[in-house]
Protein backbone atom coordinates (compact mmCIF):
# COMPACT_ATOMS: atom_id res chain seq x y z
CA MET A 1 11.56 12.34 -15.65
CA LYS A 2 13.52 9.11 -15.43
CA PHE A 3 12.95 7.13 -12.23
CA VAL A 4 15.40 4.44 -11.10
CA ILE A 5 13.78 2.47 -8.28
CA PHE A 6 15.25 -0.21 -6.00
CA GLY A 7 12.33 -2.05 -4.39
CA LEU A 8 11.07 -5.23 -2.82
CA SER A 9 9.05 -6.63 -5.71
CA ILE A 10 6.96 -5.63 -8.67
CA SER A 11 7.15 -8.96 -10.51
CA SER A 12 5.33 -11.03 -7.87
CA SER A 13 2.34 -10.14 -5.73
CA TRP A 14 2.79 -13.26 -3.60
CA GLY A 15 3.02 -12.42 0.10
CA ASN A 16 3.50 -8.67 -0.28
CA GLY A 17 1.47 -5.53 -0.91
CA HIS A 18 4.18 -3.63 -2.77
CA ALA A 19 3.83 -5.23 -6.20
CA THR A 20 0.24 -4.25 -7.01
CA LEU A 21 0.82 -0.67 -5.85
CA TRP A 22 3.96 -0.29 -7.97
CA ARG A 23 2.29 -1.72 -11.06
CA GLY A 24 -0.41 0.92 -10.91
CA LEU A 25 2.03 3.73 -10.18
CA CYS A 26 4.40 2.65 -12.97
CA ARG A 27 1.57 2.50 -15.51
CA ALA A 28 0.41 5.95 -14.43
CA LEU A 29 3.98 7.30 -14.58
CA ALA A 30 4.36 5.93 -18.11
CA ARG A 31 1.06 7.49 -19.21
CA ALA A 32 2.31 10.81 -17.82
CA GLY A 33 5.43 10.56 -20.00
CA HIS A 34 7.93 9.37 -17.40
CA GLU A 35 10.40 6.47 -17.64
CA VAL A 36 10.87 3.85 -14.91
CA VAL A 37 13.69 1.34 -14.36
CA PHE A 38 12.78 -0.98 -11.48
CA PHE A 39 15.51 -3.10 -9.85
CA GLU A 40 14.32 -6.22 -8.01
CA ARG A 41 16.45 -8.98 -6.55
CA ASP A 42 15.43 -12.29 -8.12
CA VAL A 43 14.63 -14.41 -5.05
CA HIS A 44 13.21 -17.93 -5.33
CA TYR A 45 9.96 -17.38 -3.43
CA TYR A 46 8.93 -14.56 -5.76
CA ALA A 47 10.29 -16.29 -8.86
CA SER A 48 8.07 -19.32 -8.18
CA HIS A 49 4.99 -17.07 -7.93
CA ARG A 50 5.86 -14.50 -10.58
CA ASP A 51 2.88 -12.90 -12.32
CA LEU A 52 4.56 -10.02 -14.17
CA TYR A 53 7.52 -10.33 -16.55
CA GLU A 54 7.62 -6.97 -18.34
CA LEU A 55 7.13 -3.43 -17.11
CA SER A 56 4.84 -1.50 -19.42
CA GLY A 57 6.52 1.74 -20.39
CA GLY A 58 9.67 0.89 -18.44
CA GLU A 59 12.28 -1.70 -17.63
CA LEU A 60 12.13 -4.48 -15.06
CA CYS A 61 15.64 -5.48 -14.02
CA LEU A 62 15.73 -8.78 -12.11
CA TYR A 63 19.16 -9.52 -10.68
CA PRO A 64 20.62 -12.45 -8.70
CA ASP A 65 23.10 -10.51 -6.55
CA TRP A 66 24.07 -6.91 -5.83
CA ASP A 67 27.72 -7.10 -6.89
CA GLY A 68 26.71 -8.35 -10.33
CA ILE A 69 24.15 -5.65 -10.98
CA ARG A 70 25.90 -2.68 -9.37
CA PRO A 71 27.69 -1.43 -12.53
CA TYR A 72 24.45 -1.46 -14.53
CA ALA A 73 22.57 0.27 -11.71
CA GLU A 74 25.25 2.94 -11.58
CA GLN A 75 24.93 3.41 -15.34
CA GLN A 76 21.16 3.88 -15.08
CA LEU A 77 21.48 6.34 -12.21
CA ALA A 78 23.91 8.44 -14.27
CA THR A 79 20.97 9.52 -16.49
CA ALA A 80 18.22 9.43 -13.83
CA ASP A 81 16.27 12.39 -12.49
CA VAL A 82 15.05 10.44 -9.44
CA GLY A 83 16.91 7.66 -7.63
CA MET A 84 14.58 5.92 -5.17
CA VAL A 85 15.00 3.16 -2.58
CA THR A 86 12.01 1.59 -0.83
CA SER A 87 11.45 -0.15 2.47
CA TYR A 88 12.09 -3.90 2.47
CA CYS A 89 14.42 -3.61 -0.51
CA PRO A 90 16.69 -6.67 0.06
CA ASP A 91 19.74 -4.57 -0.83
CA GLY A 92 18.44 -1.39 0.73
CA VAL A 93 21.67 -0.29 2.41
CA GLN A 94 23.85 -0.88 -0.68
CA ALA A 95 21.24 0.64 -3.00
CA SER A 96 20.96 3.71 -0.75
CA GLU A 97 24.74 4.19 -0.80
CA LEU A 98 24.73 4.01 -4.59
CA VAL A 99 21.79 6.41 -4.98
CA LEU A 100 23.30 8.89 -2.53
CA SER A 101 26.62 8.82 -4.39
CA SER A 102 24.90 9.72 -7.67
CA PRO A 103 25.23 13.51 -8.09
CA ARG A 104 22.71 14.03 -10.90
CA CYS A 105 19.49 12.64 -9.45
CA LEU A 106 17.18 13.56 -6.60
CA HIS A 107 17.77 11.14 -3.71
CA VAL A 108 14.47 9.69 -2.44
CA PHE A 109 13.51 7.03 0.11
CA TYR A 110 9.93 5.72 0.00
CA ASP A 111 8.85 3.95 3.18
CA LEU A 112 5.83 1.85 2.29
CA ASP A 113 5.95 0.29 5.77
CA THR A 114 6.39 3.31 8.03
CA PRO A 115 4.53 1.89 11.08
CA ILE A 116 6.67 -1.27 10.95
CA THR A 117 9.85 0.78 10.55
CA LEU A 118 9.02 3.00 13.52
CA SER A 119 7.78 0.18 15.76
CA ARG A 120 11.10 -1.63 15.24
CA LEU A 121 13.03 1.49 16.14
CA ARG A 122 11.00 1.91 19.33
CA ARG A 123 11.83 -1.68 20.30
CA HIS A 124 15.51 -1.11 19.40
CA GLU A 125 15.32 -3.78 16.72
CA PRO A 126 17.36 -3.59 13.50
CA VAL A 127 15.80 -2.16 10.34
CA GLU A 128 17.68 -4.06 7.65
CA TYR A 129 16.82 -1.72 4.78
CA LEU A 130 18.23 1.40 6.49
CA GLY A 131 21.88 2.36 6.87
CA PRO A 132 23.54 3.75 10.01
CA ARG A 133 22.60 7.35 9.13
CA GLY A 134 18.94 6.50 8.67
CA LEU A 135 17.25 8.96 6.29
CA ALA A 136 19.44 11.98 7.03
CA ASP A 137 21.19 12.04 3.66
CA PHE A 138 18.13 11.74 1.42
CA ASP A 139 16.74 14.85 -0.27
CA LEU A 140 13.21 13.57 0.27
CA THR A 141 11.47 10.88 2.31
CA LEU A 142 8.08 9.68 1.12
CA SER A 143 5.84 7.91 3.61
CA TYR A 144 2.94 5.58 2.84
CA THR A 145 1.62 6.67 6.26
CA GLY A 146 0.52 10.15 7.25
CA GLY A 147 -0.35 11.74 10.57
CA GLU A 148 2.22 11.72 13.36
CA ALA A 149 4.45 9.32 11.42
CA LEU A 150 5.84 12.23 9.41
CA GLY A 151 7.30 13.98 12.44
CA GLU A 152 8.61 10.73 13.86
CA LEU A 153 10.52 9.99 10.66
CA GLU A 154 12.26 13.31 11.12
CA GLN A 155 12.94 12.87 14.82
CA ARG A 156 14.04 9.24 14.84
CA LEU A 157 15.69 8.90 11.42
CA GLY A 158 16.77 12.45 10.63
CA ALA A 159 14.59 12.85 7.53
CA ARG A 160 15.09 16.38 6.17
CA ARG A 161 11.99 16.70 4.00
CA VAL A 162 8.98 14.40 4.40
CA ALA A 163 5.76 14.05 2.41
CA THR A 164 2.97 11.49 2.32
CA LEU A 165 2.31 9.35 -0.74
CA TYR A 166 -0.59 7.07 0.14
CA GLY A 167 -1.68 3.87 -1.54
CA SER A 168 -3.81 4.03 -4.65
CA VAL A 169 -5.66 1.92 -7.20
CA ASP A 170 -5.23 1.38 -10.92
CA SER A 171 -8.82 1.94 -12.02
CA ASP A 172 -8.13 0.41 -15.44
CA GLU A 173 -7.37 -2.89 -13.73
CA HIS A 174 -9.82 -2.71 -10.81
CA HIS A 175 -13.48 -2.27 -11.68
CA PRO A 176 -16.73 -4.27 -11.32
CA VAL A 177 -16.82 -7.54 -13.29
CA PRO A 178 -19.38 -10.37 -13.49
CA PRO A 179 -19.30 -12.71 -10.46
CA VAL A 180 -17.23 -15.91 -10.70
CA GLU A 181 -18.61 -18.99 -9.00
CA ARG A 182 -15.37 -20.04 -7.25
CA TYR A 183 -15.17 -16.61 -5.60
CA ARG A 184 -18.80 -16.32 -4.51
CA ALA A 185 -19.15 -15.61 -0.79
CA ASP A 186 -21.25 -13.74 1.74
CA LEU A 187 -18.02 -12.32 3.21
CA SER A 188 -14.58 -12.52 1.58
CA TYR A 189 -11.18 -11.54 2.90
CA LEU A 190 -8.04 -11.07 0.82
CA GLY A 191 -4.81 -10.73 2.78
CA THR A 192 -1.52 -12.38 3.64
CA PHE A 193 -1.33 -13.97 7.08
CA ALA A 194 0.13 -11.68 9.75
CA GLU A 195 0.21 -12.54 13.44
CA ASP A 196 -0.51 -8.94 14.45
CA ARG A 197 -3.64 -8.93 12.28
CA GLN A 198 -5.00 -12.23 13.53
CA ALA A 199 -7.10 -10.82 16.41
CA GLY A 200 -9.05 -8.69 13.94
CA VAL A 201 -9.48 -11.62 11.56
CA GLU A 202 -10.78 -13.73 14.46
CA ALA A 203 -13.30 -11.12 15.57
CA LEU A 204 -14.56 -9.95 12.18
CA PHE A 205 -14.21 -13.10 10.06
CA ILE A 206 -13.73 -16.37 11.97
CA GLN A 207 -16.29 -15.75 14.72
CA PRO A 208 -18.95 -14.51 12.24
CA ALA A 209 -18.33 -17.67 10.20
CA ARG A 210 -18.99 -19.80 13.28
CA SER A 211 -22.14 -17.83 14.07
CA ARG A 212 -23.53 -17.96 10.53
CA GLN A 213 -23.10 -21.56 9.46
CA ASP A 214 -25.59 -20.98 6.62
CA ARG A 215 -23.30 -18.34 5.03
CA LYS A 216 -20.19 -18.84 2.92
CA PHE A 217 -16.90 -17.20 3.90
CA LEU A 218 -13.90 -17.06 1.55
CA LEU A 219 -10.28 -16.40 2.50
CA GLY A 220 -7.60 -15.66 -0.10
CA GLY A 221 -3.95 -15.23 0.84
CA SER A 222 -0.60 -16.84 1.44
CA MET A 223 1.40 -18.04 4.47
CA TYR A 224 -1.58 -19.21 6.54
CA PRO A 225 -0.55 -21.91 9.08
CA HIS A 226 -2.12 -25.36 9.32
CA ALA A 227 -3.27 -24.42 12.82
CA PHE A 228 -5.47 -21.62 11.48
CA PRO A 229 -8.98 -21.94 13.02
CA TRP A 230 -10.80 -23.22 9.94
CA THR A 231 -14.56 -23.80 9.92
CA GLU A 232 -16.68 -25.91 7.56
CA ASN A 233 -18.21 -22.88 5.86
CA LEU A 234 -14.85 -21.11 5.42
CA PHE A 235 -13.18 -21.77 2.06
CA PHE A 236 -9.54 -21.02 1.25
CA ILE A 237 -7.61 -20.03 -1.87
CA GLN A 238 -3.86 -19.87 -1.26
CA HIS A 239 -3.03 -17.13 -3.75
CA VAL A 240 -5.25 -14.80 -5.77
CA PRO A 241 -3.15 -13.16 -8.52
CA PRO A 242 -3.78 -9.45 -9.19
CA ALA A 243 -5.56 -10.18 -12.47
CA GLU A 244 -8.17 -12.10 -10.44
CA HIS A 245 -8.69 -9.46 -7.75
CA PRO A 246 -11.65 -7.79 -9.52
CA ALA A 247 -13.43 -11.15 -9.83
CA PHE A 248 -12.61 -12.00 -6.20
CA TYR A 249 -14.09 -8.73 -4.95
CA SER A 250 -17.03 -8.56 -7.36
CA SER A 251 -18.18 -12.08 -6.47
CA ALA A 252 -18.67 -11.36 -2.77
CA ARG A 253 -21.66 -9.78 -1.09
CA ILE A 254 -19.23 -8.00 1.31
CA THR A 255 -15.44 -7.97 1.56
CA LEU A 256 -13.35 -7.44 4.68
CA ASN A 257 -10.40 -5.15 5.43
CA VAL A 258 -8.27 -5.85 8.53
CA THR A 259 -5.34 -3.59 9.42
CA ARG A 260 -2.05 -4.72 10.96
CA ARG A 261 -1.71 -3.62 14.58
CA ALA A 262 1.16 -1.16 14.07
CA MET A 263 -0.64 0.48 11.16
CA ALA A 264 -3.96 0.70 13.02
CA GLU A 265 -2.31 2.26 16.07
CA MET A 266 -0.38 4.84 14.05
CA GLY A 267 -3.31 5.56 11.74
CA TYR A 268 -3.50 7.31 8.37
CA CYS A 269 -2.29 4.15 6.62
CA PRO A 270 -4.95 2.90 4.19
CA SER A 271 -4.29 -0.44 2.54
CA GLY A 272 -4.10 -0.37 -1.24
CA ARG A 273 -6.54 -3.27 -1.24
CA LEU A 274 -9.07 -1.04 0.49
CA PHE A 275 -9.07 1.15 -2.63
CA GLU A 276 -9.01 -1.89 -4.94
CA ALA A 277 -12.15 -3.33 -3.37
CA ALA A 278 -13.98 -0.01 -3.46
CA ALA A 279 -13.10 0.48 -7.13
CA CYS A 280 -14.55 -2.96 -7.84
CA GLY A 281 -17.90 -1.89 -6.39
CA VAL A 282 -18.08 -4.24 -3.41
CA PRO A 283 -19.23 -3.01 0.03
CA ILE A 284 -16.37 -3.06 2.52
CA LEU A 285 -16.43 -4.07 6.18
CA SER A 286 -13.38 -2.78 8.05
CA ASP A 287 -11.84 -2.61 11.47
CA ARG A 288 -11.52 0.88 12.92
CA TRP A 289 -8.29 2.89 12.74
CA VAL A 290 -7.25 6.49 13.24
CA GLY A 291 -7.72 8.58 10.11
CA LEU A 292 -10.05 6.18 8.29
CA GLU A 293 -12.63 8.93 7.81
CA GLN A 294 -10.12 10.96 5.76
CA PHE A 295 -10.33 8.33 3.01
CA LEU A 296 -13.83 6.80 3.25
CA THR A 297 -16.73 7.97 5.42
CA PRO A 298 -17.80 5.33 7.99
CA GLY A 299 -21.44 4.37 7.63
CA ALA A 300 -21.81 5.99 4.22
CA GLU A 301 -18.83 4.75 2.17
CA ILE A 302 -17.47 1.98 4.38
CA LEU A 303 -18.93 -0.21 7.13
CA VAL A 304 -16.93 -0.33 10.37
CA ALA A 305 -17.11 -2.94 13.13
CA ASP A 306 -15.28 -3.06 16.47
CA ASN A 307 -16.37 -6.58 17.41
CA THR A 308 -18.11 -9.74 16.22
CA ALA A 309 -21.61 -8.52 17.08
CA GLU A 310 -21.18 -5.42 14.90
CA ALA A 311 -19.76 -7.52 12.06
CA LEU A 312 -22.85 -9.74 12.22
CA GLN A 313 -25.06 -6.64 12.00
CA VAL A 314 -23.29 -5.72 8.76
CA LEU A 315 -23.88 -9.23 7.40
CA ASP A 316 -27.60 -8.75 8.08
CA LEU A 317 -27.92 -5.52 6.08
CA THR A 318 -30.16 -5.64 3.01
CA ASP A 319 -28.76 -5.82 -0.50
CA SER A 320 -30.01 -2.31 -1.25
CA GLU A 321 -28.29 -0.89 1.86
CA LEU A 322 -25.04 -2.57 0.89
CA ALA A 323 -25.30 -1.41 -2.71
CA GLU A 324 -25.63 2.23 -1.65
CA VAL A 325 -22.45 2.03 0.46
CA ALA A 326 -20.56 0.34 -2.38
CA ARG A 327 -21.66 2.95 -4.91
CA ALA A 328 -20.58 5.85 -2.68
CA ALA A 329 -17.19 4.25 -1.98
CA ARG A 330 -16.47 3.64 -5.64
CA GLU A 331 -17.25 7.26 -6.52
CA ARG A 332 -14.99 8.55 -3.73
CA VAL A 333 -12.08 6.32 -4.68
CA LEU A 334 -12.27 7.16 -8.38
CA ASP A 335 -12.31 10.86 -7.48
CA GLU A 336 -9.46 10.85 -4.97
CA HIS A 337 -7.44 7.64 -4.75
CA THR A 338 -6.35 6.52 -8.21
CA ALA A 339 -2.76 5.96 -9.34
CA GLU A 340 -3.09 8.97 -11.65
CA MET A 341 -3.94 11.17 -8.66
CA ARG A 342 -0.91 9.89 -6.75
CA VAL A 343 1.40 10.52 -9.71
CA ARG A 344 0.21 14.12 -9.89
CA ASP A 345 0.92 14.46 -6.17
CA LEU A 346 4.34 12.89 -6.66
CA GLU A 347 5.21 15.26 -9.49
CA GLN A 348 4.46 18.27 -7.29
CA ILE A 349 6.37 16.86 -4.32
CA LEU A 350 9.43 16.07 -6.43
CA GLY A 351 9.31 19.44 -8.14
CA ALA A 352 9.36 21.20 -4.77
CA ALA A 353 12.14 19.00 -3.42
CA ALA A 354 14.29 19.54 -6.51
CA VAL A 355 14.36 23.33 -6.14
CA GLY A 356 13.96 23.58 -2.38
CA ASP A 357 10.66 25.47 -2.60
CA SER A 358 7.44 24.92 -0.71
CA VAL A 359 4.46 23.49 -2.56
CA ALA A 360 0.95 22.45 -1.60
CA VAL A 361 -0.06 19.03 -2.84
CA ASN A 362 -3.45 17.34 -2.72
CA VAL A 363 -2.72 14.64 -0.18
CA ALA A 364 -5.45 13.63 2.28
CA ASP A 365 -4.02 13.81 5.78
CA GLY A 366 -5.07 14.64 9.26
CA ALA A 367 -1.86 15.57 11.04
CA VAL A 368 -1.37 19.10 12.28
CA GLY A 369 1.83 21.01 12.89
CA VAL A 370 4.24 18.32 11.74
CA ALA A 371 7.58 19.52 10.39
CA PRO A 372 9.04 19.50 7.83
CA ALA A 373 5.74 18.40 6.24
CA ILE A 374 3.12 20.89 7.40
CA VAL A 375 -0.47 19.73 7.07
CA ASP A 376 -3.61 21.85 7.03
CA GLN A 377 -6.31 19.69 8.65
CA ASN A 378 -9.20 21.66 7.12
CA SER A 379 -8.14 21.55 3.46
CA TYR A 380 -6.04 18.36 3.71
CA GLN A 381 -3.18 20.11 1.90
CA ALA A 382 0.34 18.97 2.74
CA THR A 383 3.10 21.51 2.34
CA VAL A 384 6.56 20.16 1.72
CA ARG A 385 9.50 22.39 2.59
CA ARG A 386 13.14 22.26 3.50
């Protein structure tokens, strides 16, 4: 199939979680024989932190403005099998109109930020990447988030057919590597600053750093304010490019995952970096969120803490205890959460949507009785139907 995608960014991983996910998916799509044309608006803050210039097995189309690129986008859609728009696409409304006006291709919207989308709607705030008809005109809506989010996309935005496509990891890029001195730490955390994630960072990272002055803590990420509560044993790297993620993870004794508030409350929204870290063989400490056990088993494959005291208990585990958790997580992720697995799911979902049939796809989920995506909680099989 030929995919024409209008997204936020694939060329720069600075300040967003979309790029790394799309790189893995596009490589897996290419290996499966598909073609991808990815349209990305060339904005200055991504251009100055660009870490990908060519799309392996596809075409990366960077454009300065929508009017200038529209004729070429229309030409690409004329031969496309799938026209897709994603959340946070800077030209989401215009791109959606163009995709929906293309008669040949399947019209797909992929919301990689479903909890944010829905929380804005509940607060009656604008969602810049959605048009006035929401998702009602798309043949298929994909959601990065499962659970109750699927039904809410139908009820609030008129989505006609909904299926979950979770995050994933490119196992060719993310695997254990020898430790690197600059990334060595007792506890590391890789994540962009977000105000609604700060309470979790305080409880599971900053407070443990203050309590364990003899340990080294390492923070990697962009957009952190000068007023951030730094400590003497907390070290900072402003941006860790994707090529360095394996070294970042592999050099830490433990790495931390903290979920944004909207995603934690809605649940069934695993961060792609959760899978990256597990694939790199590092034990993970995480906050708790609904549906976590569908992806990694707490206590056996991931370590969960609700407060600072529990985070400190994780820091005090022995190396052998940590190694066992890391080994189990890596095995689980390589079995269930790779980009290749997600592409196979996507192929089945698109095949069903194209002909209007029902199909069961191997998508881990915990929602029950959600229409039009019906989920069997026991087998974790999502059925997509009109």
